C-alpha atoms as a PDB file:
ATOM      1  CA  MET A   1      83.478  96.054 136.119  1.00  0.00           C
ATOM      2  CA  ARG A   2      81.692  98.689 138.227  1.00  0.00           C
ATOM      3  CA  GLY A   3      85.008  99.786 139.741  1.00  0.00           C
ATOM      4  CA  ASN A   4      86.517 100.382 136.312  1.00  0.00           C
ATOM      5  CA  SER A   5      83.456 102.379 135.303  1.00  0.00           C
ATOM      6  CA  ILE A   6      83.721 104.599 138.372  1.00  0.00           C
ATOM      7  CA  LEU A   7      87.450 105.028 137.798  1.00  0.00           C
ATOM      8  CA  ASN A   8      86.837 106.027 134.174  1.00  0.00           C
ATOM      9  CA  ARG A   9      84.260 108.592 135.304  1.00  0.00           C
ATOM     10  CA  ALA A  10      86.747 110.015 137.818  1.00  0.00           C
ATOM     11  CA  PHE A  11      89.316 110.467 135.053  1.00  0.00           C
ATOM     12  CA  GLN A  12      86.659 112.205 132.954  1.00  0.00           C
ATOM     13  CA  LEU A  13      86.010 114.599 135.817  1.00  0.00           C
ATOM     14  CA  ILE A  14      89.711 115.371 136.072  1.00  0.00           C
ATOM     15  CA  ALA A  15      89.675 116.193 132.342  1.00  0.00           C
ATOM     16  CA  CYS A  16      86.788 118.603 132.925  1.00  0.00           C
ATOM     17  CA  LEU A  17      88.392 120.352 135.879  1.00  0.00           C
ATOM     18  CA  ASP A  18      90.403 122.484 133.498  1.00  0.00           C
ATOM     19  CA  TYR A  19      87.197 124.378 132.813  1.00  0.00           C
ATOM     20  CA  PRO A  20      86.568 127.352 135.152  1.00  0.00           C
ATOM     21  CA  TRP A  21      83.483 125.776 136.778  1.00  0.00           C
ATOM     22  CA  GLY A  22      83.761 128.022 139.818  1.00  0.00           C
ATOM     23  CA  GLU A  23      83.400 131.132 137.647  1.00  0.00           C
ATOM     24  CA  LEU A  24      79.999 130.113 136.304  1.00  0.00           C
ATOM     25  CA  PRO A  25      77.112 132.191 137.653  1.00  0.00           C
ATOM     26  CA  PRO A  26      75.051 130.480 140.361  1.00  0.00           C
ATOM     27  CA  GLY A  27      72.257 128.466 138.799  1.00  0.00           C
ATOM     28  CA  SER A  28      74.168 127.627 135.608  1.00  0.00           C
ATOM     29  CA  VAL A  29      72.748 124.468 134.050  1.00  0.00           C
ATOM     30  CA  VAL A  30      75.006 121.519 133.202  1.00  0.00           C
ATOM     31  CA  ASN A  31      73.593 118.520 131.328  1.00  0.00           C
ATOM     32  CA  ASP A  32      75.460 115.221 131.669  1.00  0.00           C
ATOM     33  CA  LEU A  33      74.182 113.435 128.572  1.00  0.00           C
ATOM     34  CA  GLY A  34      74.839 109.711 128.519  1.00  0.00           C
ATOM     35  CA  GLY A  35      76.104 110.056 132.081  1.00  0.00           C
ATOM     36  CA  GLY A  36      75.026 106.649 133.353  1.00  0.00           C
ATOM     37  CA  VAL A  37      73.959 106.906 136.982  1.00  0.00           C
ATOM     38  CA  GLY A  38      75.673 110.267 137.348  1.00  0.00           C
ATOM     39  CA  TYR A  39      78.941 109.804 139.217  1.00  0.00           C
ATOM     40  CA  LEU A  40      80.547 112.633 137.233  1.00  0.00           C
ATOM     41  CA  THR A  41      77.538 114.878 137.843  1.00  0.00           C
ATOM     42  CA  MET A  42      77.609 113.980 141.518  1.00  0.00           C
ATOM     43  CA  GLN A  43      81.234 115.088 141.795  1.00  0.00           C
ATOM     44  CA  LEU A  44      80.417 118.364 140.036  1.00  0.00           C
ATOM     45  CA  TYR A  45      77.653 118.974 142.579  1.00  0.00           C
ATOM     46  CA  LYS A  46      79.980 118.268 145.498  1.00  0.00           C
ATOM     47  CA  LEU A  47      82.605 120.682 144.147  1.00  0.00           C
ATOM     48  CA  TYR A  48      80.207 123.353 142.791  1.00  0.00           C
ATOM     49  CA  PRO A  49      76.869 123.140 144.649  1.00  0.00           C
ATOM     50  CA  THR A  50      75.459 126.270 142.996  1.00  0.00           C
ATOM     51  CA  LEU A  51      75.208 124.476 139.630  1.00  0.00           C
ATOM     52  CA  ASN A  52      71.866 123.107 138.471  1.00  0.00           C
ATOM     53  CA  LEU A  53      72.459 119.655 137.045  1.00  0.00           C
ATOM     54  CA  LYS A  54      70.633 117.487 134.529  1.00  0.00           C
ATOM     55  CA  LEU A  55      71.359 113.805 134.100  1.00  0.00           C
ATOM     56  CA  GLN A  56      70.189 112.068 130.937  1.00  0.00           C
ATOM     57  CA  ASP A  57      70.657 108.452 129.901  1.00  0.00           C
ATOM     58  CA  LEU A  58      68.596 105.399 129.031  1.00  0.00           C
ATOM     59  CA  PRO A  59      65.504 104.806 131.207  1.00  0.00           C
ATOM     60  CA  GLU A  60      66.998 101.924 133.221  1.00  0.00           C
ATOM     61  CA  ARG A  61      70.090 103.976 134.126  1.00  0.00           C
ATOM     62  CA  ILE A  62      68.008 107.016 135.091  1.00  0.00           C
ATOM     63  CA  GLU A  63      65.715 104.852 137.223  1.00  0.00           C
ATOM     64  CA  GLN A  64      68.747 103.388 139.014  1.00  0.00           C
ATOM     65  CA  ALA A  65      70.258 106.848 139.511  1.00  0.00           C
ATOM     66  CA  GLN A  66      67.044 108.454 140.743  1.00  0.00           C
ATOM     67  CA  ASN A  67      65.828 105.626 142.986  1.00  0.00           C
ATOM     68  CA  ASP A  68      69.056 104.091 144.303  1.00  0.00           C
ATOM     69  CA  ILE A  69      72.392 105.817 143.675  1.00  0.00           C
ATOM     70  CA  TRP A  70      71.602 109.506 144.287  1.00  0.00           C
ATOM     71  CA  PRO A  71      69.322 109.037 147.328  1.00  0.00           C
ATOM     72  CA  ARG A  72      72.076 106.948 148.926  1.00  0.00           C
ATOM     73  CA  GLU A  73      75.208 108.853 147.841  1.00  0.00           C
ATOM     74  CA  CYS A  74      74.104 112.463 147.295  1.00  0.00           C
ATOM     75  CA  PRO A  75      70.684 113.067 148.888  1.00  0.00           C
ATOM     76  CA  GLU A  76      71.482 116.753 149.475  1.00  0.00           C
ATOM     77  CA  ALA A  77      71.425 117.454 145.715  1.00  0.00           C
ATOM     78  CA  ILE A  78      67.912 115.991 145.539  1.00  0.00           C
ATOM     79  CA  ALA A  79      66.797 117.848 148.680  1.00  0.00           C
ATOM     80  CA  ASN A  80      68.187 121.134 147.301  1.00  0.00           C
ATOM     81  CA  ASP A  81      66.520 120.542 143.906  1.00  0.00           C
ATOM     82  CA  LYS A  82      69.904 120.681 142.142  1.00  0.00           C
ATOM     83  CA  ILE A  83      69.518 117.536 140.020  1.00  0.00           C
ATOM     84  CA  GLU A  84      66.950 116.627 137.371  1.00  0.00           C
ATOM     85  CA  PHE A  85      66.754 113.091 136.023  1.00  0.00           C
ATOM     86  CA  LYS A  86      65.389 112.562 132.509  1.00  0.00           C
ATOM     87  CA  SER A  87      65.638 109.516 130.297  1.00  0.00           C
ATOM     88  CA  VAL A  88      66.665 109.933 126.676  1.00  0.00           C
ATOM     89  CA  ASP A  89      67.586 107.803 123.687  1.00  0.00           C
ATOM     90  CA  MET A  90      70.519 109.816 122.361  1.00  0.00           C
ATOM     91  CA  MET A  91      70.200 108.261 118.907  1.00  0.00           C
ATOM     92  CA  THR A  92      66.678 109.545 118.332  1.00  0.00           C
ATOM     93  CA  GLU A  93      65.787 112.189 120.947  1.00  0.00           C
ATOM     94  CA  PRO A  94      67.328 115.599 121.567  1.00  0.00           C
ATOM     95  CA  PRO A  95      68.556 116.465 125.072  1.00  0.00           C
ATOM     96  CA  ILE A  96      67.014 118.985 127.443  1.00  0.00           C
ATOM     97  CA  TYR A  97      66.913 122.379 125.745  1.00  0.00           C
ATOM     98  CA  GLY A  98      68.862 125.455 126.770  1.00  0.00           C
ATOM     99  CA  CYS A  99      71.508 124.125 129.151  1.00  0.00           C
ATOM    100  CA  ASP A 100      74.598 126.254 129.668  1.00  0.00           C
ATOM    101  CA  ILE A 101      76.993 123.307 129.270  1.00  0.00           C
ATOM    102  CA  TYR A 102      76.600 119.863 127.746  1.00  0.00           C
ATOM    103  CA  LEU A 103      78.801 116.944 128.790  1.00  0.00           C
ATOM    104  CA  VAL A 104      78.582 114.088 126.306  1.00  0.00           C
ATOM    105  CA  CYS A 105      79.770 110.791 127.679  1.00  0.00           C
ATOM    106  CA  ALA A 106      80.615 108.306 124.963  1.00  0.00           C
ATOM    107  CA  THR A 107      79.870 104.617 125.050  1.00  0.00           C
ATOM    108  CA  LYS A 108      80.817 101.784 122.754  1.00  0.00           C
ATOM    109  CA  SER A 109      77.724 102.422 120.637  1.00  0.00           C
ATOM    110  CA  HIS A 110      78.589 106.067 119.964  1.00  0.00           C
ATOM    111  CA  ARG A 111      81.095 105.538 117.204  1.00  0.00           C
ATOM    112  CA  GLY A 112      81.323 106.883 113.707  1.00  0.00           C
ATOM    113  CA  ALA A 113      78.096 108.023 112.087  1.00  0.00           C
ATOM    114  CA  SER A 114      76.060 107.361 115.249  1.00  0.00           C
ATOM    115  CA  LEU A 115      78.262 109.814 117.159  1.00  0.00           C
ATOM    116  CA  LEU A 116      77.556 112.391 114.461  1.00  0.00           C
ATOM    117  CA  THR A 117      73.826 111.759 114.960  1.00  0.00           C
ATOM    118  CA  VAL A 118      74.173 112.326 118.699  1.00  0.00           C
ATOM    119  CA  LEU A 119      76.173 115.529 118.214  1.00  0.00           C
ATOM    120  CA  HIS A 120      73.662 116.807 115.647  1.00  0.00           C
ATOM    121  CA  LEU A 121      70.754 116.272 118.064  1.00  0.00           C
ATOM    122  CA  ILE A 122      72.650 118.058 120.814  1.00  0.00           C
ATOM    123  CA  SER A 123      73.623 120.995 118.611  1.00  0.00           C
ATOM    124  CA  SER A 124      69.960 121.501 117.702  1.00  0.00           C
ATOM    125  CA  ARG A 125      69.162 122.165 121.380  1.00  0.00           C
ATOM    126  CA  MET A 126      72.085 124.302 122.510  1.00  0.00           C
ATOM    127  CA  SER A 127      72.905 127.958 122.135  1.00  0.00           C
ATOM    128  CA  CYS A 128      75.968 129.104 120.238  1.00  0.00           C
ATOM    129  CA  GLU A 129      77.652 130.063 123.512  1.00  0.00           C
ATOM    130  CA  ALA A 130      77.145 126.728 125.296  1.00  0.00           C
ATOM    131  CA  PRO A 131      80.313 124.662 125.579  1.00  0.00           C
ATOM    132  CA  LEU A 132      80.127 120.972 124.724  1.00  0.00           C
ATOM    133  CA  PHE A 133      82.574 118.549 126.305  1.00  0.00           C
ATOM    134  CA  TYR A 134      82.992 115.191 124.622  1.00  0.00           C
ATOM    135  CA  LEU A 135      84.187 112.729 127.248  1.00  0.00           C
ATOM    136  CA  GLY A 136      85.257 109.701 125.329  1.00  0.00           C
ATOM    137  CA  ARG A 137      88.033 108.091 123.517  1.00  0.00           C
ATOM    138  CA  GLU A 138      89.551 108.887 120.160  1.00  0.00           C
ATOM    139  CA  ILE A 139      86.908 109.139 117.457  1.00  0.00           C
ATOM    140  CA  HIS A 140      87.277 106.964 114.370  1.00  0.00           C
ATOM    141  CA  LEU A 141      84.647 107.874 111.802  1.00  0.00           C
ATOM    142  CA  GLU A 142      83.320 104.937 109.836  1.00  0.00           C
ATOM    143  CA  TYR A 143      80.979 105.433 106.920  1.00  0.00           C
END
């Protein structure tokens, strides 16, 4: 199961590579919202180390990312203060305010009206210029 998850995240990264990440000013802030333990974010750091990254997910995923995965697989991002870990319940809490880019990673629970709730909370925290990437499957709205 973990292998499939990592593979899915790699495909999501490939989808994002179309964006001109390398043209962003140094210090641009990217928030990976619902990003699990941050494999996508980790790859962004390795390709574009001048980005400042935020990783937000449920508390148990953030704890695993902060205390196990990142110290083992990408300690330089922690040492260079390029990653911030913050837990969030995407159904009830808004993400970190003022990021330059928001990556929204969908899960099984983010379908229909609940996805609209998540997107509404995100839009309340972002500027008009901030791109939002939805990394998920086809959306079927159910009311």
